[in-house]
Amino acid sequence: MPMQGKKNYQEKLFTSFKLSDRVSKENFYRRLKEVLDLDFLYPLTNKFYGQSGQKSIDPVVFFKICLVGYLENIT
């Protein structure tokens, strides 16, 4: 079994604060998430992951980090 990591998103609660309640429905990244399906990255990147060791970062999460960096001009 490949050691390709996969992030299972789970809402985090701190007292009664939920970040998703604080982000506007019109937020660019919230709207982008609704229309952008990156699941195709799993089979495309699977061959680059080893069979042993610790699980890696989820390739979809890595792509999103790179995308936000590009869109926000973060070097």
N, C-alpha and C. Protein backbone atom coordinates (compact mmCIF):
# COMPACT_ATOMS: atom_id res chain seq x y z
N MET A 1 0.86 -1.18 0.00
CA MET A 1 0.00 0.00 0.00
C MET A 1 0.90 1.24 0.00
N PRO A 2 0.64 2.20 -0.89
CA PRO A 2 1.47 3.41 -0.95
C PRO A 2 1.35 4.23 0.32
N MET A 3 2.38 4.97 0.63
CA MET A 3 2.40 5.80 1.83
C MET A 3 1.95 7.22 1.51
N GLN A 4 1.14 7.37 0.48
CA GLN A 4 0.63 8.68 0.09
C GLN A 4 -0.38 9.13 1.13
N GLY A 5 -0.12 10.28 1.75
CA GLY A 5 -1.04 10.79 2.76
C GLY A 5 -2.31 11.33 2.13
N LYS A 6 -3.37 11.32 2.90
CA LYS A 6 -4.64 11.89 2.45
C LYS A 6 -5.28 12.56 3.65
N LYS A 7 -5.52 13.86 3.54
CA LYS A 7 -6.08 14.65 4.64
C LYS A 7 -7.58 14.46 4.69
N ASN A 8 -8.08 14.05 5.84
CA ASN A 8 -9.52 13.98 6.07
C ASN A 8 -9.89 15.21 6.88
N TYR A 9 -10.55 16.16 6.23
CA TYR A 9 -10.88 17.42 6.88
C TYR A 9 -11.94 17.19 7.94
N GLN A 10 -11.67 17.73 9.13
CA GLN A 10 -12.64 17.65 10.21
C GLN A 10 -12.70 19.02 10.86
N GLU A 11 -13.90 19.55 10.99
CA GLU A 11 -14.10 20.88 11.58
C GLU A 11 -13.54 20.90 13.00
N LYS A 12 -12.73 21.89 13.31
CA LYS A 12 -12.14 22.01 14.63
C LYS A 12 -12.94 23.03 15.45
N LEU A 13 -13.26 22.68 16.67
CA LEU A 13 -14.01 23.56 17.55
C LEU A 13 -13.12 24.02 18.70
N PHE A 14 -13.16 25.28 18.99
CA PHE A 14 -12.47 25.83 20.16
C PHE A 14 -13.50 26.66 20.89
N THR A 15 -13.95 26.19 22.00
CA THR A 15 -15.12 26.70 22.70
C THR A 15 -16.26 26.74 21.69
N SER A 16 -16.82 27.87 21.36
CA SER A 16 -17.92 27.86 20.39
C SER A 16 -17.51 28.59 19.11
N PHE A 17 -16.24 28.57 18.80
CA PHE A 17 -15.74 29.26 17.61
C PHE A 17 -15.53 28.28 16.48
N LYS A 18 -16.15 28.55 15.34
CA LYS A 18 -15.92 27.76 14.13
C LYS A 18 -15.46 28.72 13.05
N LEU A 19 -14.26 28.49 12.53
CA LEU A 19 -13.70 29.38 11.52
C LEU A 19 -14.60 29.47 10.29
N SER A 20 -15.19 28.36 9.88
CA SER A 20 -16.03 28.36 8.69
C SER A 20 -17.26 29.26 8.84
N ASP A 21 -17.70 29.49 10.08
CA ASP A 21 -18.82 30.41 10.30
C ASP A 21 -18.40 31.86 10.15
N ARG A 22 -17.11 32.11 10.27
CA ARG A 22 -16.59 33.48 10.22
C ARG A 22 -16.17 33.92 8.81
N VAL A 23 -16.10 32.96 7.88
CA VAL A 23 -15.68 33.26 6.52
C VAL A 23 -16.92 33.51 5.66
N SER A 24 -16.91 34.60 4.97
CA SER A 24 -18.05 35.01 4.14
C SER A 24 -18.37 33.95 3.08
N LYS A 25 -19.64 33.80 2.76
CA LYS A 25 -20.07 32.86 1.72
C LYS A 25 -19.55 33.29 0.35
N GLU A 26 -19.24 34.57 0.21
CA GLU A 26 -18.73 35.11 -1.06
C GLU A 26 -17.21 35.06 -1.13
N ASN A 27 -16.55 34.53 -0.11
CA ASN A 27 -15.10 34.46 -0.10
C ASN A 27 -14.59 33.71 -1.33
N PHE A 28 -13.53 34.24 -1.96
CA PHE A 28 -13.00 33.65 -3.19
C PHE A 28 -12.61 32.19 -3.01
N TYR A 29 -11.89 31.88 -1.93
CA TYR A 29 -11.42 30.51 -1.74
C TYR A 29 -12.56 29.55 -1.40
N ARG A 30 -13.58 30.04 -0.72
CA ARG A 30 -14.75 29.20 -0.44
C ARG A 30 -15.46 28.87 -1.76
N ARG A 31 -15.61 29.86 -2.63
CA ARG A 31 -16.27 29.63 -3.93
C ARG A 31 -15.41 28.74 -4.82
N LEU A 32 -14.08 28.92 -4.76
CA LEU A 32 -13.18 28.10 -5.56
C LEU A 32 -13.27 26.63 -5.14
N LYS A 33 -13.36 26.38 -3.84
CA LYS A 33 -13.47 25.02 -3.33
C LYS A 33 -14.71 24.31 -3.87
N GLU A 34 -15.78 25.06 -4.08
CA GLU A 34 -17.02 24.48 -4.58
C GLU A 34 -16.91 24.00 -6.02
N VAL A 35 -16.05 24.64 -6.82
CA VAL A 35 -15.98 24.31 -8.25
C VAL A 35 -14.72 23.57 -8.66
N LEU A 36 -13.72 23.51 -7.78
CA LEU A 36 -12.44 22.90 -8.14
C LEU A 36 -12.30 21.54 -7.46
N ASP A 37 -12.33 20.49 -8.26
CA ASP A 37 -12.18 19.13 -7.74
C ASP A 37 -10.76 18.66 -8.07
N LEU A 38 -9.95 18.49 -7.03
CA LEU A 38 -8.55 18.11 -7.23
C LEU A 38 -8.28 16.64 -6.96
N ASP A 39 -9.32 15.82 -6.86
CA ASP A 39 -9.14 14.40 -6.57
C ASP A 39 -8.35 13.68 -7.66
N PHE A 40 -8.28 14.25 -8.87
CA PHE A 40 -7.52 13.63 -9.95
C PHE A 40 -6.02 13.57 -9.62
N LEU A 41 -5.58 14.37 -8.63
CA LEU A 41 -4.16 14.39 -8.27
C LEU A 41 -3.71 13.09 -7.60
N TYR A 42 -4.61 12.40 -6.92
CA TYR A 42 -4.22 11.18 -6.20
C TYR A 42 -3.64 10.11 -7.13
N PRO A 43 -4.35 9.71 -8.18
CA PRO A 43 -3.75 8.69 -9.06
C PRO A 43 -2.54 9.21 -9.84
N LEU A 44 -2.52 10.49 -10.15
CA LEU A 44 -1.39 11.05 -10.90
C LEU A 44 -0.10 11.10 -10.09
N THR A 45 -0.21 11.28 -8.77
CA THR A 45 0.98 11.41 -7.93
C THR A 45 1.33 10.13 -7.18
N ASN A 46 0.49 9.15 -7.23
CA ASN A 46 0.68 7.92 -6.46
C ASN A 46 2.03 7.27 -6.73
N LYS A 47 2.48 7.27 -7.98
CA LYS A 47 3.73 6.58 -8.33
C LYS A 47 4.98 7.25 -7.73
N PHE A 48 4.84 8.46 -7.24
CA PHE A 48 5.98 9.18 -6.68
C PHE A 48 6.15 8.96 -5.18
N TYR A 49 5.29 8.16 -4.58
CA TYR A 49 5.33 7.91 -3.15
C TYR A 49 5.87 6.52 -2.86
N GLY A 50 6.69 6.42 -1.82
CA GLY A 50 7.27 5.14 -1.43
C GLY A 50 6.26 4.23 -0.77
N GLN A 51 6.72 3.02 -0.48
CA GLN A 51 5.85 2.01 0.14
C GLN A 51 6.06 1.89 1.64
N SER A 52 7.04 2.61 2.17
CA SER A 52 7.32 2.51 3.60
C SER A 52 7.64 3.89 4.16
N GLY A 53 7.72 3.97 5.47
CA GLY A 53 8.02 5.24 6.12
C GLY A 53 6.76 5.96 6.56
N GLN A 54 6.94 7.19 6.94
CA GLN A 54 5.80 7.98 7.40
C GLN A 54 4.97 8.46 6.22
N LYS A 55 3.69 8.67 6.48
CA LYS A 55 2.82 9.19 5.43
C LYS A 55 3.22 10.62 5.10
N SER A 56 3.07 10.97 3.85
CA SER A 56 3.44 12.31 3.39
C SER A 56 2.27 13.27 3.54
N ILE A 57 2.53 14.50 3.14
CA ILE A 57 1.46 15.49 3.08
C ILE A 57 0.52 15.09 1.95
N ASP A 58 -0.75 15.32 2.14
CA ASP A 58 -1.76 15.06 1.13
C ASP A 58 -1.42 15.87 -0.12
N PRO A 59 -1.34 15.24 -1.32
CA PRO A 59 -0.98 16.00 -2.52
C PRO A 59 -1.97 17.11 -2.85
N VAL A 60 -3.23 16.93 -2.50
CA VAL A 60 -4.22 17.99 -2.74
C VAL A 60 -3.94 19.18 -1.83
N VAL A 61 -3.60 18.92 -0.58
CA VAL A 61 -3.26 20.00 0.35
C VAL A 61 -2.02 20.73 -0.14
N PHE A 62 -1.01 19.97 -0.59
CA PHE A 62 0.21 20.59 -1.10
C PHE A 62 -0.09 21.48 -2.31
N PHE A 63 -0.94 20.99 -3.23
CA PHE A 63 -1.30 21.78 -4.40
C PHE A 63 -2.04 23.06 -3.99
N LYS A 64 -2.93 22.95 -3.00
CA LYS A 64 -3.67 24.12 -2.54
C LYS A 64 -2.73 25.15 -1.91
N ILE A 65 -1.73 24.67 -1.15
CA ILE A 65 -0.74 25.58 -0.56
C ILE A 65 0.00 26.33 -1.66
N CYS A 66 0.42 25.59 -2.68
CA CYS A 66 1.12 26.22 -3.82
C CYS A 66 0.21 27.20 -4.55
N LEU A 67 -1.04 26.83 -4.74
CA LEU A 67 -1.99 27.69 -5.45
C LEU A 67 -2.24 28.99 -4.69
N VAL A 68 -2.45 28.91 -3.38
CA VAL A 68 -2.65 30.11 -2.57
C VAL A 68 -1.40 30.97 -2.61
N GLY A 69 -0.23 30.36 -2.51
CA GLY A 69 1.01 31.11 -2.60
C GLY A 69 1.12 31.86 -3.91
N TYR A 70 0.75 31.21 -5.01
CA TYR A 70 0.80 31.86 -6.32
C TYR A 70 -0.22 33.00 -6.41
N LEU A 71 -1.46 32.71 -6.00
CA LEU A 71 -2.53 33.71 -6.13
C LEU A 71 -2.29 34.92 -5.22
N GLU A 72 -1.68 34.69 -4.06
CA GLU A 72 -1.44 35.78 -3.10
C GLU A 72 -0.04 36.37 -3.25
N ASN A 73 0.72 35.90 -4.24
CA ASN A 73 2.06 36.39 -4.51
C ASN A 73 2.98 36.21 -3.29
N ILE A 74 2.89 35.03 -2.68
CA ILE A 74 3.72 34.68 -1.54
C ILE A 74 4.89 33.85 -2.05
N THR A 75 6.11 34.30 -1.74
CA THR A 75 7.28 33.57 -2.23
C THR A 75 7.84 32.67 -1.15
